[in-house]
Amino acid sequence: MRTSTPGPPDRQRLTEEFWLDRLPSYEPLISALVIAEIRDTPDPDKRRRLEALVQSFAVLPVTAEAEDLADEYVDRGVVQAKFRDDALHVALAVTEQIPLLASWNFKHLVKLQVRRQINLINAMLGFGQIDIVSPAEL
């Protein structure tokens, strides 16, 4: 299955197509967590480009509710503790009732089993379902 996962050159092309062709049909949101990740980008030129790309996006704050839900994902073994920020990305979307999360994180998030486990936990805790997909799927 490795051959079906886009590598860096293809991923860059697909990302550019997504931003230009498909993103305008969505209401893009970004979390304060991602904003912090962008601010921590060591390359100043790359950081400025990323900041410019997301400047018009509505920013979701990190909430206690999302922190608690992320802890549930980790405690139940869906996401490893060292990748808790990945769980927090999902939890922020879920607690804000956002039905779709686009990510290139095939290692920890964009996986059928992860989606199933997250949505099972969400259902048990009274949260809605979320679909975690790659931008290429949109």
N, C-alpha and C. Protein backbone atom coordinates (compact mmCIF):
# COMPACT_ATOMS: atom_id res chain seq x y z
N MET A 1 0.81 -1.20 0.00
CA MET A 1 0.00 0.00 0.00
C MET A 1 0.85 1.27 0.00
N ARG A 2 2.12 1.17 0.31
CA ARG A 2 2.97 2.34 0.35
C ARG A 2 2.91 3.12 -0.96
N THR A 3 2.75 2.42 -2.07
CA THR A 3 2.75 3.09 -3.37
C THR A 3 1.53 3.98 -3.55
N SER A 4 0.47 3.76 -2.78
CA SER A 4 -0.73 4.59 -2.93
C SER A 4 -0.66 5.87 -2.11
N THR A 5 0.34 5.97 -1.24
CA THR A 5 0.50 7.17 -0.43
C THR A 5 1.36 8.16 -1.19
N PRO A 6 0.83 9.36 -1.44
CA PRO A 6 1.61 10.32 -2.21
C PRO A 6 2.90 10.70 -1.49
N GLY A 7 4.01 10.69 -2.23
CA GLY A 7 5.28 11.12 -1.67
C GLY A 7 5.40 12.63 -1.75
N PRO A 8 6.52 13.18 -1.26
CA PRO A 8 6.67 14.64 -1.20
C PRO A 8 6.37 15.41 -2.49
N PRO A 9 6.91 15.04 -3.68
CA PRO A 9 6.58 15.84 -4.86
C PRO A 9 5.10 15.79 -5.21
N ASP A 10 4.52 14.59 -5.18
CA ASP A 10 3.09 14.45 -5.47
C ASP A 10 2.26 15.15 -4.41
N ARG A 11 2.67 15.02 -3.17
CA ARG A 11 1.92 15.64 -2.08
C ARG A 11 1.91 17.15 -2.23
N GLN A 12 3.04 17.72 -2.62
CA GLN A 12 3.09 19.17 -2.81
C GLN A 12 2.15 19.59 -3.94
N ARG A 13 2.17 18.85 -5.04
CA ARG A 13 1.29 19.16 -6.17
C ARG A 13 -0.17 19.03 -5.75
N LEU A 14 -0.51 17.95 -5.06
CA LEU A 14 -1.89 17.74 -4.61
C LEU A 14 -2.32 18.82 -3.62
N THR A 15 -1.40 19.23 -2.76
CA THR A 15 -1.71 20.29 -1.80
C THR A 15 -1.99 21.59 -2.52
N GLU A 16 -1.16 21.92 -3.50
CA GLU A 16 -1.38 23.15 -4.27
C GLU A 16 -2.72 23.10 -5.00
N GLU A 17 -3.04 21.96 -5.60
CA GLU A 17 -4.34 21.82 -6.27
C GLU A 17 -5.49 21.97 -5.28
N PHE A 18 -5.33 21.38 -4.12
CA PHE A 18 -6.36 21.49 -3.09
C PHE A 18 -6.58 22.95 -2.70
N TRP A 19 -5.50 23.67 -2.41
CA TRP A 19 -5.61 25.07 -1.98
C TRP A 19 -6.24 25.93 -3.07
N LEU A 20 -5.88 25.70 -4.32
CA LEU A 20 -6.37 26.54 -5.41
C LEU A 20 -7.76 26.15 -5.89
N ASP A 21 -8.01 24.85 -6.02
CA ASP A 21 -9.24 24.39 -6.67
C ASP A 21 -10.36 24.01 -5.71
N ARG A 22 -10.03 23.37 -4.59
CA ARG A 22 -11.09 22.83 -3.75
C ARG A 22 -11.31 23.59 -2.45
N LEU A 23 -10.26 24.14 -1.87
CA LEU A 23 -10.41 24.84 -0.59
C LEU A 23 -11.45 25.96 -0.64
N PRO A 24 -11.54 26.71 -1.74
CA PRO A 24 -12.53 27.79 -1.77
C PRO A 24 -13.98 27.32 -1.58
N SER A 25 -14.27 26.05 -1.80
CA SER A 25 -15.64 25.57 -1.61
C SER A 25 -15.90 25.13 -0.16
N TYR A 26 -14.92 25.25 0.70
CA TYR A 26 -15.05 24.92 2.12
C TYR A 26 -14.90 26.18 2.97
N GLU A 27 -15.29 26.07 4.22
CA GLU A 27 -15.04 27.14 5.18
C GLU A 27 -13.80 26.73 5.98
N PRO A 28 -12.62 27.19 5.58
CA PRO A 28 -11.41 26.72 6.25
C PRO A 28 -11.28 27.28 7.66
N LEU A 29 -10.92 26.39 8.56
CA LEU A 29 -10.68 26.75 9.96
C LEU A 29 -9.29 26.25 10.32
N ILE A 30 -8.71 26.86 11.32
CA ILE A 30 -7.40 26.43 11.79
C ILE A 30 -7.41 26.55 13.31
N SER A 31 -6.69 25.69 13.97
CA SER A 31 -6.66 25.74 15.42
C SER A 31 -5.50 26.61 15.90
N ALA A 32 -5.64 27.10 17.11
CA ALA A 32 -4.55 27.85 17.73
C ALA A 32 -3.31 26.96 17.86
N LEU A 33 -3.52 25.67 17.95
CA LEU A 33 -2.42 24.71 18.01
C LEU A 33 -1.60 24.76 16.72
N VAL A 34 -2.27 24.80 15.57
CA VAL A 34 -1.56 24.88 14.29
C VAL A 34 -0.88 26.24 14.14
N ILE A 35 -1.55 27.29 14.59
CA ILE A 35 -0.92 28.62 14.55
C ILE A 35 0.39 28.60 15.33
N ALA A 36 0.38 27.97 16.50
CA ALA A 36 1.61 27.87 17.30
C ALA A 36 2.67 27.06 16.57
N GLU A 37 2.27 25.99 15.90
CA GLU A 37 3.22 25.19 15.13
C GLU A 37 3.85 26.02 14.01
N ILE A 38 3.03 26.83 13.36
CA ILE A 38 3.54 27.70 12.29
C ILE A 38 4.53 28.70 12.87
N ARG A 39 4.17 29.30 14.01
CA ARG A 39 5.07 30.28 14.64
C ARG A 39 6.41 29.66 15.04
N ASP A 40 6.41 28.36 15.31
CA ASP A 40 7.64 27.66 15.69
C ASP A 40 8.46 27.19 14.49
N THR A 41 7.99 27.46 13.29
CA THR A 41 8.73 27.06 12.09
C THR A 41 10.06 27.80 12.06
N PRO A 42 11.19 27.08 12.06
CA PRO A 42 12.48 27.75 12.16
C PRO A 42 12.87 28.58 10.94
N ASP A 43 12.45 28.18 9.76
CA ASP A 43 12.79 28.89 8.52
C ASP A 43 11.88 30.11 8.40
N PRO A 44 12.43 31.33 8.52
CA PRO A 44 11.59 32.53 8.50
C PRO A 44 10.80 32.72 7.21
N ASP A 45 11.38 32.36 6.06
CA ASP A 45 10.65 32.50 4.80
C ASP A 45 9.47 31.54 4.74
N LYS A 46 9.70 30.31 5.14
CA LYS A 46 8.62 29.32 5.16
C LYS A 46 7.54 29.75 6.15
N ARG A 47 7.96 30.24 7.31
CA ARG A 47 7.00 30.70 8.33
C ARG A 47 6.12 31.83 7.76
N ARG A 48 6.72 32.78 7.09
CA ARG A 48 5.94 33.90 6.51
C ARG A 48 4.96 33.40 5.46
N ARG A 49 5.41 32.46 4.62
CA ARG A 49 4.52 31.90 3.59
C ARG A 49 3.33 31.18 4.23
N LEU A 50 3.60 30.38 5.26
CA LEU A 50 2.52 29.67 5.94
C LEU A 50 1.56 30.64 6.62
N GLU A 51 2.10 31.65 7.28
CA GLU A 51 1.24 32.65 7.93
C GLU A 51 0.36 33.36 6.92
N ALA A 52 0.91 33.67 5.76
CA ALA A 52 0.13 34.33 4.71
C ALA A 52 -0.99 33.41 4.20
N LEU A 53 -0.70 32.13 4.08
CA LEU A 53 -1.71 31.18 3.58
C LEU A 53 -2.92 31.08 4.50
N VAL A 54 -2.70 31.18 5.79
CA VAL A 54 -3.80 30.93 6.74
C VAL A 54 -4.35 32.20 7.38
N GLN A 55 -3.88 33.36 6.96
CA GLN A 55 -4.26 34.59 7.64
C GLN A 55 -5.76 34.87 7.63
N SER A 56 -6.48 34.38 6.64
CA SER A 56 -7.92 34.66 6.58
C SER A 56 -8.76 33.57 7.25
N PHE A 57 -8.13 32.52 7.75
CA PHE A 57 -8.87 31.42 8.38
C PHE A 57 -9.35 31.82 9.77
N ALA A 58 -10.54 31.37 10.13
CA ALA A 58 -11.01 31.52 11.50
C ALA A 58 -10.17 30.61 12.39
N VAL A 59 -9.82 31.10 13.58
CA VAL A 59 -8.95 30.34 14.48
C VAL A 59 -9.77 29.76 15.63
N LEU A 60 -9.64 28.45 15.82
CA LEU A 60 -10.31 27.76 16.92
C LEU A 60 -9.38 27.75 18.13
N PRO A 61 -9.86 28.23 19.27
CA PRO A 61 -9.01 28.18 20.47
C PRO A 61 -8.92 26.77 21.02
N VAL A 62 -7.85 26.49 21.71
CA VAL A 62 -7.71 25.22 22.41
C VAL A 62 -8.54 25.32 23.69
N THR A 63 -9.48 24.42 23.86
CA THR A 63 -10.39 24.46 25.01
C THR A 63 -10.11 23.30 25.97
N ALA A 64 -10.58 23.44 27.19
CA ALA A 64 -10.46 22.37 28.18
C ALA A 64 -11.20 21.13 27.71
N GLU A 65 -12.36 21.33 27.08
CA GLU A 65 -13.14 20.20 26.57
C GLU A 65 -12.34 19.41 25.53
N ALA A 66 -11.68 20.13 24.63
CA ALA A 66 -10.86 19.46 23.61
C ALA A 66 -9.66 18.77 24.25
N GLU A 67 -9.05 19.41 25.24
CA GLU A 67 -7.93 18.79 25.95
C GLU A 67 -8.36 17.48 26.59
N ASP A 68 -9.54 17.48 27.23
CA ASP A 68 -10.05 16.27 27.87
C ASP A 68 -10.33 15.17 26.85
N LEU A 69 -10.91 15.54 25.72
CA LEU A 69 -11.20 14.55 24.69
C LEU A 69 -9.91 13.98 24.10
N ALA A 70 -8.92 14.83 23.89
CA ALA A 70 -7.62 14.36 23.40
C ALA A 70 -7.02 13.36 24.39
N ASP A 71 -7.16 13.65 25.68
CA ASP A 71 -6.68 12.72 26.71
C ASP A 71 -7.39 11.37 26.61
N GLU A 72 -8.69 11.40 26.31
CA GLU A 72 -9.44 10.14 26.13
C GLU A 72 -8.86 9.33 24.97
N TYR A 73 -8.58 10.00 23.85
CA TYR A 73 -8.01 9.30 22.70
C TYR A 73 -6.67 8.65 23.07
N VAL A 74 -5.87 9.37 23.85
CA VAL A 74 -4.57 8.85 24.28
C VAL A 74 -4.76 7.73 25.30
N ASP A 75 -5.58 7.98 26.32
CA ASP A 75 -5.79 6.99 27.39
C ASP A 75 -6.34 5.68 26.85
N ARG A 76 -7.14 5.75 25.79
CA ARG A 76 -7.73 4.55 25.21
C ARG A 76 -6.86 3.93 24.10
N GLY A 77 -5.67 4.49 23.91
CA GLY A 77 -4.70 3.89 23.01
C GLY A 77 -4.89 4.16 21.53
N VAL A 78 -5.73 5.11 21.19
CA VAL A 78 -5.92 5.44 19.77
C VAL A 78 -4.72 6.21 19.24
N VAL A 79 -4.19 7.11 20.06
CA VAL A 79 -3.02 7.91 19.71
C VAL A 79 -2.01 7.76 20.84
N GLN A 80 -0.75 7.57 20.50
CA GLN A 80 0.29 7.46 21.52
C GLN A 80 0.47 8.80 22.23
N ALA A 81 0.83 8.74 23.50
CA ALA A 81 0.99 9.95 24.31
C ALA A 81 1.99 10.93 23.68
N LYS A 82 3.05 10.40 23.06
CA LYS A 82 4.04 11.32 22.48
C LYS A 82 3.50 12.07 21.26
N PHE A 83 2.35 11.62 20.74
CA PHE A 83 1.72 12.31 19.61
C PHE A 83 0.38 12.93 20.04
N ARG A 84 0.32 13.37 21.29
CA ARG A 84 -0.92 13.91 21.82
C ARG A 84 -1.44 15.09 21.01
N ASP A 85 -0.56 15.90 20.46
CA ASP A 85 -1.03 17.03 19.64
C ASP A 85 -1.87 16.55 18.46
N ASP A 86 -1.55 15.38 17.92
CA ASP A 86 -2.39 14.82 16.84
C ASP A 86 -3.80 14.56 17.36
N ALA A 87 -3.88 14.00 18.56
CA ALA A 87 -5.19 13.75 19.19
C ALA A 87 -5.90 15.07 19.44
N LEU A 88 -5.15 16.09 19.83
CA LEU A 88 -5.76 17.39 20.11
C LEU A 88 -6.30 18.03 18.83
N HIS A 89 -5.62 17.87 17.72
CA HIS A 89 -6.14 18.38 16.44
C HIS A 89 -7.54 17.81 16.18
N VAL A 90 -7.67 16.51 16.35
CA VAL A 90 -8.95 15.85 16.11
C VAL A 90 -9.97 16.32 17.14
N ALA A 91 -9.58 16.34 18.40
CA ALA A 91 -10.51 16.72 19.47
C ALA A 91 -11.03 18.14 19.30
N LEU A 92 -10.19 19.04 18.84
CA LEU A 92 -10.64 20.42 18.59
C LEU A 92 -11.74 20.44 17.53
N ALA A 93 -11.54 19.69 16.47
CA ALA A 93 -12.56 19.64 15.42
C ALA A 93 -13.84 19.00 15.95
N VAL A 94 -13.71 17.92 16.69
CA VAL A 94 -14.89 17.21 17.21
C VAL A 94 -15.68 18.09 18.17
N THR A 95 -15.01 18.73 19.11
CA THR A 95 -15.72 19.54 20.10
C THR A 95 -16.35 20.79 19.48
N GLU A 96 -15.84 21.21 18.35
CA GLU A 96 -16.43 22.35 17.63
C GLU A 96 -17.46 21.89 16.59
N GLN A 97 -17.77 20.60 16.60
CA GLN A 97 -18.77 20.00 15.71
C GLN A 97 -18.42 20.18 14.24
N ILE A 98 -17.16 20.05 13.94
CA ILE A 98 -16.67 20.12 12.57
C ILE A 98 -16.62 18.68 12.04
N PRO A 99 -17.36 18.39 10.99
CA PRO A 99 -17.49 17.00 10.56
C PRO A 99 -16.34 16.45 9.73
N LEU A 100 -15.39 17.30 9.35
CA LEU A 100 -14.35 16.88 8.42
C LEU A 100 -13.01 17.49 8.82
N LEU A 101 -11.99 16.66 8.87
CA LEU A 101 -10.63 17.11 9.14
C LEU A 101 -9.74 16.61 8.01
N ALA A 102 -9.10 17.54 7.30
CA ALA A 102 -8.18 17.18 6.22
C ALA A 102 -6.76 17.19 6.78
N SER A 103 -6.03 16.12 6.50
CA SER A 103 -4.67 16.00 7.04
C SER A 103 -3.83 15.12 6.12
N TRP A 104 -2.53 15.40 6.08
CA TRP A 104 -1.59 14.52 5.39
C TRP A 104 -0.97 13.55 6.39
N ASN A 105 -1.43 13.51 7.62
CA ASN A 105 -0.82 12.68 8.65
C ASN A 105 -1.32 11.24 8.53
N PHE A 106 -0.75 10.51 7.56
CA PHE A 106 -1.14 9.12 7.33
C PHE A 106 -0.64 8.20 8.45
N LYS A 107 0.38 8.60 9.14
CA LYS A 107 0.96 7.74 10.18
C LYS A 107 0.05 7.64 11.41
N HIS A 108 -0.59 8.75 11.80
CA HIS A 108 -1.36 8.75 13.05
C HIS A 108 -2.84 9.05 12.89
N LEU A 109 -3.27 9.68 11.81
CA LEU A 109 -4.66 10.13 11.75
C LEU A 109 -5.45 9.60 10.57
N VAL A 110 -4.92 9.71 9.37
CA VAL A 110 -5.68 9.36 8.17
C VAL A 110 -5.59 7.84 7.95
N LYS A 111 -6.28 7.13 8.82
CA LYS A 111 -6.29 5.66 8.80
C LYS A 111 -7.68 5.19 9.20
N LEU A 112 -8.18 4.20 8.51
CA LEU A 112 -9.52 3.69 8.79
C LEU A 112 -9.69 3.27 10.24
N GLN A 113 -8.74 2.53 10.78
CA GLN A 113 -8.87 2.04 12.16
C GLN A 113 -8.87 3.20 13.16
N VAL A 114 -8.06 4.20 12.94
CA VAL A 114 -8.03 5.37 13.82
C VAL A 114 -9.38 6.08 13.77
N ARG A 115 -9.90 6.29 12.56
CA ARG A 115 -11.22 6.93 12.41
C ARG A 115 -12.28 6.16 13.18
N ARG A 116 -12.29 4.85 13.01
CA ARG A 116 -13.29 4.02 13.69
C ARG A 116 -13.18 4.15 15.21
N GLN A 117 -11.96 4.06 15.73
CA GLN A 117 -11.78 4.14 17.18
C GLN A 117 -12.15 5.52 17.71
N ILE A 118 -11.75 6.56 17.01
CA ILE A 118 -12.10 7.92 17.43
C ILE A 118 -13.61 8.09 17.44
N ASN A 119 -14.27 7.65 16.40
CA ASN A 119 -15.72 7.82 16.33
C ASN A 119 -16.45 6.95 17.34
N LEU A 120 -15.90 5.82 17.72
CA LEU A 120 -16.48 5.01 18.78
C LEU A 120 -16.39 5.75 20.12
N ILE A 121 -15.24 6.30 20.41
CA ILE A 121 -15.08 7.10 21.64
C ILE A 121 -16.01 8.30 21.61
N ASN A 122 -16.07 8.98 20.46
CA ASN A 122 -16.96 10.14 20.34
C ASN A 122 -18.39 9.75 20.66
N ALA A 123 -18.85 8.64 20.11
CA ALA A 123 -20.23 8.19 20.35
C ALA A 123 -20.45 7.86 21.82
N MET A 124 -19.49 7.20 22.44
CA MET A 124 -19.62 6.84 23.86
C MET A 124 -19.69 8.07 24.75
N LEU A 125 -19.03 9.15 24.33
CA LEU A 125 -18.98 10.36 25.14
C LEU A 125 -19.99 11.42 24.70
N GLY A 126 -20.82 11.09 23.72
CA GLY A 126 -21.86 12.02 23.30
C GLY A 126 -21.44 13.05 22.27
N PHE A 127 -20.32 12.82 21.62
CA PHE A 127 -19.86 13.73 20.58
C PHE A 127 -20.26 13.19 19.21
N GLY A 128 -20.24 14.07 18.21
CA GLY A 128 -20.56 13.67 16.85
C GLY A 128 -19.40 12.95 16.19
N GLN A 129 -19.68 12.45 15.02
CA GLN A 129 -18.68 11.72 14.23
C GLN A 129 -17.82 12.71 13.45
N ILE A 130 -16.63 12.27 13.10
CA ILE A 130 -15.74 13.07 12.28
C ILE A 130 -15.15 12.17 11.19
N ASP A 131 -14.97 12.75 10.03
CA ASP A 131 -14.32 12.05 8.94
C ASP A 131 -12.93 12.67 8.78
N ILE A 132 -11.90 11.85 8.89
CA ILE A 132 -10.52 12.32 8.77
C ILE A 132 -9.99 11.82 7.43
N VAL A 133 -9.70 12.75 6.53
CA VAL A 133 -9.32 12.39 5.17
C VAL A 133 -8.09 13.18 4.74
N SER A 134 -7.48 12.73 3.67
CA SER A 134 -6.38 13.50 3.09
C SER A 134 -6.97 14.56 2.17
N PRO A 135 -6.26 15.67 1.96
CA PRO A 135 -6.74 16.68 1.02
C PRO A 135 -7.00 16.11 -0.37
N ALA A 136 -6.27 15.07 -0.76
CA ALA A 136 -6.46 14.46 -2.07
C ALA A 136 -7.85 13.83 -2.21
N GLU A 137 -8.48 13.49 -1.09
CA GLU A 137 -9.80 12.86 -1.12
C GLU A 137 -10.93 13.88 -1.28
N LEU A 138 -10.62 15.13 -1.11
CA LEU A 138 -11.68 16.16 -1.17
C LEU A 138 -11.87 16.68 -2.58
